[in-house]
Amino acid sequence: MKFKLFFVLAALMAGPVLHAQGLHFGIKGGANITKVDGEAMSNEFNFGYHLGGFAEVGFGKKWFIEPELLWSQLQTQTGNDFEDIITGAVNGAKNQSIKLNYLTIPITLNYRLLDWLSLQAGPQFGALLDDSQNLLENGKAAFSSGDLCLLGGAQINFSSFRITGRYFTSLKDVNSSDVNAAWRNKGFQISVGIKIL
C-alpha cells in the first residue's frame, strides 16, 4: 500500500519534469537531528543520517522544484514513563533507543533569493521500512507505516555544490492504532549535495 503512494507521486511529477526549462540531477547526504515528540517519549534530540538523490526542475530564473528520494534514519528514545502510560508496553521499554528507517520523498518549492541562496518549503512523504517491534506486547508495531511532514529551510549554492539546512515536523500521528498517544517526528536536516548532471 505504501509503495502505491510513490508510484502516484512519480506519475504526477512526470508531466512538469518533461516540460521544465532546466533539469539537473545530483546526490546528497547528511545528518538528521530528530526526536519523536509526544507523550511517553524522550524530549531529547538524537543524531541519524540520510542519503539519496535529488533533481532540480527549473521554471524560470527564480523558481524551481526539488524532488528528492532519501533513505533517512531517525533516532529517538522512549521516556521514563513509557511503561506507565502506554497500554501493552513490554517490560524494559522505557529509556529505550529506537531507530526508524524511512524511505522519504521531500518535494520542495524553491525560490532563488540570491544567486547563491534559495529558500525552500514543501511536503515530505515517508514510508517506514522497519521499526522497533519490541516496545509493545505480542510484537505489535508501535509506529504507523507512513508519515507526512511539512518542511522548510534554506539552501546555499556554490557552483555544483549544495549545502541545505531545514526543519521538518509531522502533520499526522506516527503511532500505530495500538498506541493511544499522539507522536510526531520533528527535527532538523543538514546535508551536503553535488549536482552531477
Protein backbone atom coordinates (compact mmCIF):
# COMPACT_ATOMS: atom_id res chain seq x y z
CA MET A 1 0.00 0.00 0.00
CA LYS A 2 2.73 2.45 0.96
CA PHE A 3 4.58 1.90 -2.33
CA LYS A 4 1.49 2.82 -4.35
CA LEU A 5 1.89 6.33 -2.98
CA PHE A 6 5.37 6.56 -4.51
CA PHE A 7 4.12 5.46 -7.95
CA VAL A 8 1.31 8.03 -7.85
CA LEU A 9 3.76 10.78 -6.89
CA ALA A 10 6.13 9.78 -9.67
CA ALA A 11 3.32 9.93 -12.22
CA LEU A 12 2.19 13.36 -11.01
CA MET A 13 5.74 14.70 -11.25
CA ALA A 14 6.45 13.28 -14.71
CA GLY A 15 4.45 15.91 -16.63
CA PRO A 16 6.11 19.02 -15.16
CA VAL A 17 9.56 17.44 -15.43
CA LEU A 18 9.18 16.76 -19.14
CA HIS A 19 8.20 20.40 -19.81
CA ALA A 20 10.71 22.01 -17.45
CA GLN A 21 13.12 24.68 -18.63
CA GLY A 22 16.04 23.18 -16.73
CA LEU A 23 16.59 19.70 -15.32
CA HIS A 24 19.55 18.60 -13.19
CA PHE A 25 20.31 15.59 -11.01
CA GLY A 26 22.58 15.10 -8.01
CA ILE A 27 23.38 13.14 -4.88
CA LYS A 28 23.26 14.27 -1.27
CA GLY A 29 23.74 13.10 2.28
CA GLY A 30 23.95 14.43 5.79
CA ALA A 31 22.75 14.40 9.38
CA ASN A 32 19.29 14.15 10.91
CA ILE A 33 18.83 15.70 14.36
CA THR A 34 15.44 14.37 15.42
CA LYS A 35 13.03 13.24 18.09
CA VAL A 36 9.56 11.73 18.27
CA ASP A 37 7.59 14.41 20.08
CA GLY A 38 4.76 13.31 22.32
CA GLU A 39 3.60 11.54 25.43
CA ALA A 40 5.90 8.84 26.88
CA MET A 41 8.78 9.80 24.55
CA SER A 42 12.06 11.48 25.48
CA ASN A 43 12.32 15.18 24.70
CA GLU A 44 15.98 14.92 23.64
CA PHE A 45 17.16 15.22 20.05
CA ASN A 46 19.25 12.38 18.61
CA PHE A 47 21.52 12.03 15.58
CA GLY A 48 20.75 9.94 12.49
CA TYR A 49 21.61 10.27 8.82
CA HIS A 50 20.15 10.48 5.32
CA LEU A 51 21.49 9.51 1.87
CA GLY A 52 19.99 9.74 -1.59
CA GLY A 53 19.49 11.76 -4.70
CA PHE A 54 17.75 14.89 -5.87
CA ALA A 55 16.53 16.59 -9.04
CA GLU A 56 16.22 20.30 -9.78
CA VAL A 57 13.40 21.23 -12.13
CA GLY A 58 13.70 24.88 -13.14
CA PHE A 59 10.82 27.17 -14.09
CA GLY A 60 12.48 30.46 -14.98
CA LYS A 61 15.40 32.14 -13.21
CA LYS A 62 13.91 32.32 -9.71
CA TRP A 63 11.71 29.27 -9.16
CA PHE A 64 12.46 25.56 -9.21
CA ILE A 65 11.06 22.35 -7.75
CA GLU A 66 13.39 19.94 -6.00
CA PRO A 67 12.10 16.38 -5.56
CA GLU A 68 14.34 14.02 -3.60
CA LEU A 69 14.48 10.32 -2.80
CA LEU A 70 16.23 9.64 0.51
CA TRP A 71 16.99 6.79 2.86
CA SER A 72 16.51 8.56 6.19
CA GLN A 73 17.25 7.18 9.64
CA LEU A 74 15.58 8.90 12.59
CA GLN A 75 16.72 8.10 16.11
CA THR A 76 14.75 8.74 19.26
CA GLN A 77 14.25 7.34 22.75
CA THR A 78 11.32 6.36 24.91
CA GLY A 79 10.75 8.24 28.16
CA ASN A 80 10.92 7.18 31.81
CA ASP A 81 7.13 6.85 31.90
CA PHE A 82 6.68 4.78 28.73
CA GLU A 83 5.58 1.60 30.52
CA ASP A 84 3.22 3.56 32.80
CA ILE A 85 1.45 5.47 30.02
CA ILE A 86 1.40 3.13 27.01
CA THR A 87 -1.07 0.27 27.36
CA GLY A 88 0.51 -3.03 26.39
CA ALA A 89 4.11 -1.84 26.71
CA VAL A 90 6.64 -4.60 27.38
CA ASN A 91 8.92 -4.56 30.42
CA GLY A 92 12.15 -2.73 29.64
CA ALA A 93 10.56 -0.42 27.06
CA LYS A 94 11.37 2.76 29.00
CA ASN A 95 14.53 4.69 28.11
CA GLN A 96 14.97 2.52 25.02
CA SER A 97 16.76 3.81 21.92
CA ILE A 98 14.76 3.49 18.69
CA LYS A 99 15.90 3.66 15.07
CA LEU A 100 13.24 4.39 12.46
CA ASN A 101 14.34 3.88 8.85
CA TYR A 102 12.21 5.75 6.31
CA LEU A 103 12.20 5.99 2.54
CA THR A 104 11.27 9.65 2.15
CA ILE A 105 10.26 11.84 -0.78
CA PRO A 106 10.63 15.54 0.02
CA ILE A 107 9.24 17.81 -2.71
CA THR A 108 10.20 21.44 -2.15
CA LEU A 109 9.31 24.60 -3.99
CA ASN A 110 12.47 26.72 -4.08
CA TYR A 111 12.81 30.47 -4.59
CA ARG A 112 16.24 31.78 -5.55
CA LEU A 113 16.56 34.82 -3.28
CA LEU A 114 20.15 35.44 -4.41
CA ASP A 115 22.40 33.67 -6.89
CA TRP A 116 23.86 31.63 -4.03
CA LEU A 117 20.86 31.40 -1.66
CA SER A 118 17.48 29.70 -2.09
CA LEU A 119 14.54 29.38 0.29
CA GLN A 120 12.54 26.16 0.21
CA ALA A 121 9.33 24.69 1.59
CA GLY A 122 7.07 21.77 0.83
CA PRO A 123 5.73 18.36 1.88
CA GLN A 124 7.68 15.22 2.67
CA PHE A 125 6.16 11.77 2.23
CA GLY A 126 7.69 8.88 4.16
CA ALA A 127 7.28 5.10 4.20
CA LEU A 128 8.58 3.33 7.31
CA LEU A 129 10.73 0.40 6.20
CA ASP A 130 11.23 -1.07 9.68
CA ASP A 131 10.63 -0.14 13.30
CA SER A 132 11.11 -1.37 16.83
CA GLN A 133 8.79 -4.33 17.32
CA ASN A 134 9.75 -4.89 20.97
CA LEU A 135 8.00 -1.86 22.50
CA LEU A 136 4.56 -3.49 22.64
CA GLU A 137 3.34 -6.92 23.67
CA ASN A 138 2.95 -9.72 21.10
CA GLY A 139 5.23 -7.96 18.59
CA LYS A 140 2.69 -5.27 17.71
CA ALA A 141 4.13 -2.34 15.77
CA ALA A 142 4.38 0.89 17.77
CA PHE A 143 4.69 3.14 14.70
CA SER A 144 2.46 3.55 11.64
CA SER A 145 3.79 2.64 8.20
CA GLY A 146 3.61 6.17 6.74
CA ASP A 147 4.36 9.76 7.59
CA LEU A 148 3.51 13.14 6.07
CA CYS A 149 5.67 16.11 7.05
CA LEU A 150 5.91 19.80 6.29
CA LEU A 151 9.43 21.15 5.89
CA GLY A 152 11.12 24.48 5.30
CA GLY A 153 14.65 25.78 5.12
CA ALA A 154 17.37 27.32 3.02
CA GLN A 155 19.97 26.12 0.54
CA ILE A 156 23.37 27.62 -0.29
CA ASN A 157 24.58 27.05 -3.86
CA PHE A 158 28.28 27.11 -4.81
CA SER A 159 28.57 26.08 -8.46
CA SER A 160 27.60 22.37 -8.39
CA PHE A 161 27.68 22.08 -4.58
CA ARG A 162 24.65 22.42 -2.31
CA ILE A 163 24.51 22.94 1.45
CA THR A 164 21.00 22.61 2.88
CA GLY A 165 19.53 23.19 6.31
CA ARG A 166 15.86 22.65 7.06
CA TYR A 167 13.32 21.87 9.76
CA PHE A 168 10.50 19.34 9.44
CA THR A 169 7.52 18.24 11.51
CA SER A 170 4.90 15.54 11.02
CA LEU A 171 1.39 16.65 10.12
CA LYS A 172 -0.09 13.35 11.37
CA ASP A 173 0.40 10.99 14.28
CA VAL A 174 3.09 8.42 13.54
CA ASN A 175 1.92 5.99 16.22
CA SER A 176 0.09 2.80 15.34
CA SER A 177 -3.55 2.17 16.12
CA ASP A 178 -2.38 0.12 19.13
CA VAL A 179 -0.89 3.21 20.83
CA ASN A 180 -3.20 5.78 22.43
CA ALA A 181 -0.82 8.76 22.33
CA ALA A 182 -0.02 11.47 19.79
CA TRP A 183 3.51 11.18 18.39
CA ARG A 184 5.10 13.33 15.70
CA ASN A 185 8.51 13.19 14.04
CA LYS A 186 10.32 16.51 14.39
CA GLY A 187 13.81 17.67 13.69
CA PHE A 188 16.46 19.23 11.52
CA GLN A 189 18.32 18.04 8.44
CA ILE A 190 21.75 19.32 7.46
CA SER A 191 23.06 18.00 4.16
CA VAL A 192 25.72 18.43 1.50
CA GLY A 193 24.98 17.65 -2.13
CA ILE A 194 26.58 17.85 -5.53
CA LYS A 195 24.95 18.27 -8.93
CA ILE A 196 26.32 15.60 -11.27
CA LEU A 197 24.14 16.05 -14.38
